[in-house]
Protein backbone atom coordinates (compact mmCIF):
# COMPACT_ATOMS: atom_id res chain seq x y z
CA MET A 1 2.71 99.12 -17.37
CA THR A 2 3.49 95.34 -17.67
CA GLN A 3 2.38 93.25 -14.87
CA THR A 4 4.77 90.79 -13.36
CA VAL A 5 3.77 87.17 -12.60
CA LEU A 6 6.08 85.09 -10.33
CA ILE A 7 5.96 81.36 -11.23
CA VAL A 8 6.97 78.84 -8.60
CA ASP A 9 7.29 75.21 -9.61
CA ASP A 10 9.82 72.63 -9.10
CA ASP A 11 9.35 71.39 -12.72
CA ALA A 12 11.75 73.36 -14.88
CA GLY A 13 9.84 72.51 -18.16
CA MET A 14 6.60 73.77 -16.67
CA ARG A 15 8.17 77.04 -15.40
CA GLU A 16 9.72 77.68 -18.84
CA LEU A 17 6.32 76.81 -20.70
CA LEU A 18 4.50 79.17 -18.43
CA LYS A 19 7.07 81.98 -18.65
CA PHE A 20 6.85 81.63 -22.40
CA LYS A 21 3.12 81.79 -22.53
CA LEU A 22 2.65 84.61 -20.22
CA GLY A 23 5.48 86.54 -22.13
CA LYS A 24 3.46 86.00 -25.28
CA ASN A 25 0.59 87.63 -23.53
CA ASP A 26 2.37 90.64 -22.38
CA PHE A 27 3.21 89.59 -18.94
CA GLU A 28 6.65 89.74 -17.42
CA ALA A 29 7.36 86.47 -15.79
CA GLU A 30 9.84 85.59 -13.21
CA THR A 31 10.57 81.94 -11.89
CA CYS A 32 11.55 80.26 -8.76
CA ALA A 33 12.20 76.40 -8.47
CA ASP A 34 10.91 75.95 -4.88
CA GLY A 35 9.35 77.68 -1.87
CA ARG A 36 12.54 78.72 -0.33
CA GLU A 37 13.74 80.45 -3.47
CA CYS A 38 10.30 82.04 -3.74
CA LEU A 39 10.31 83.55 -0.27
CA GLU A 40 13.88 84.86 -0.89
CA TYR A 41 12.65 86.48 -4.15
CA LEU A 42 9.68 88.08 -2.36
CA GLU A 43 11.68 89.47 0.37
CA ALA A 44 14.50 90.87 -1.93
CA GLU A 45 12.57 92.12 -5.06
CA PRO A 46 9.58 94.35 -5.55
CA LEU A 47 6.52 92.28 -5.25
CA PRO A 48 4.98 90.75 -8.37
CA ASP A 49 1.49 91.48 -9.23
CA LEU A 50 0.58 87.75 -8.89
CA VAL A 51 2.09 84.49 -7.85
CA LEU A 52 1.46 81.21 -9.54
CA LEU A 53 2.31 78.66 -6.77
CA ASP A 54 2.65 74.83 -7.25
CA ILE A 55 1.53 72.86 -4.18
CA MET A 56 3.82 69.85 -4.48
CA MET A 57 7.41 71.05 -4.21
CA PRO A 58 10.44 69.77 -2.28
CA HIS A 59 11.80 71.64 0.82
CA MET A 60 8.71 73.59 1.59
CA ASN A 61 5.25 72.96 0.07
CA GLY A 62 2.87 75.37 -1.52
CA HIS A 63 0.69 75.54 1.63
CA GLU A 64 3.71 76.55 3.77
CA VAL A 65 4.86 79.15 1.14
CA LEU A 66 1.27 80.61 1.03
CA ASP A 67 1.25 80.78 4.85
CA ARG A 68 4.54 82.63 4.97
CA ILE A 69 3.28 84.98 2.22
CA ARG A 70 0.02 85.88 4.01
CA ASN A 71 1.67 86.24 7.44
CA ASP A 72 5.05 87.70 6.72
CA ILE A 73 5.07 89.20 3.31
CA ASP A 74 1.62 90.56 2.10
CA PRO A 75 -1.77 89.25 3.02
CA ASP A 76 -3.30 90.79 -0.07
CA LEU A 77 -0.68 89.49 -2.69
CA PRO A 78 -2.74 87.54 -5.29
CA VAL A 79 -1.75 83.83 -5.21
CA VAL A 80 -3.14 81.24 -7.59
CA LEU A 81 -2.33 77.75 -6.66
CA LEU A 82 -1.47 74.93 -9.24
CA THR A 83 -2.81 71.75 -7.79
CA ALA A 84 -3.37 68.27 -8.71
CA ALA A 85 -7.02 67.02 -8.58
CA GLU A 86 -6.43 65.21 -5.35
CA SER A 87 -5.24 68.41 -3.84
CA ARG A 88 -8.26 70.36 -4.78
CA GLU A 89 -10.21 70.03 -1.65
CA GLU A 90 -7.01 71.24 0.41
CA ALA A 91 -6.71 74.32 -2.00
CA ASP A 92 -10.36 75.16 -1.16
CA ASP A 93 -9.46 75.40 2.54
CA VAL A 94 -6.79 77.96 2.23
CA GLU A 95 -6.80 81.65 1.66
CA VAL A 96 -6.03 81.67 -2.04
CA THR A 97 -7.13 83.97 -4.88
CA ASP A 98 -7.79 81.16 -7.30
CA HIS A 99 -6.55 77.70 -8.16
CA ILE A 100 -5.93 75.93 -11.47
CA GLU A 101 -6.22 72.09 -11.42
CA LYS A 102 -3.46 70.01 -13.12
CA PRO A 103 -3.28 68.95 -15.72
CA PHE A 104 -4.18 72.27 -17.37
CA ARG A 105 -4.04 73.96 -20.74
CA MET A 106 -1.77 76.96 -21.08
CA ASN A 107 -4.71 79.10 -22.00
CA GLU A 108 -6.53 78.36 -18.74
CA VAL A 109 -3.56 80.02 -16.91
CA VAL A 110 -3.49 82.94 -19.03
CA ASP A 111 -7.35 83.42 -18.72
CA CYS A 112 -7.05 83.07 -14.93
CA VAL A 113 -4.04 85.53 -14.66
CA GLU A 114 -5.99 87.99 -16.78
CA ARG A 115 -9.05 87.68 -14.72
CA VAL A 116 -7.33 88.14 -11.42
CA LEU A 117 -5.36 90.98 -12.52
CA GLY A 118 -8.42 92.61 -14.23
CA GLU A 119 -6.75 92.51 -17.88
């Protein structure tokens, strides 16, 4: 069964690159452009197997989205934060499955997704 990854990033190019790379590695990838869209997706659709969540986004940052996921949607949903180096310390302080520091290689993301989902 194909596992689904939800990519949440305000950078359209990054979303499409990640979606393409994950698709090439047999994952189904869905995308959201910001935190609000992510929460709407999670409330309306079947939950994905994993969320790739950018920290720095307009309207609602990744920390706020993560808090809502943990408190209102599913405390056990795997979430991997996509974070800039200066946000790394903040990422270590939250209840997150893993984090990937930007800039990253696409293979790092695939390796992390496979590791978290037990591929």
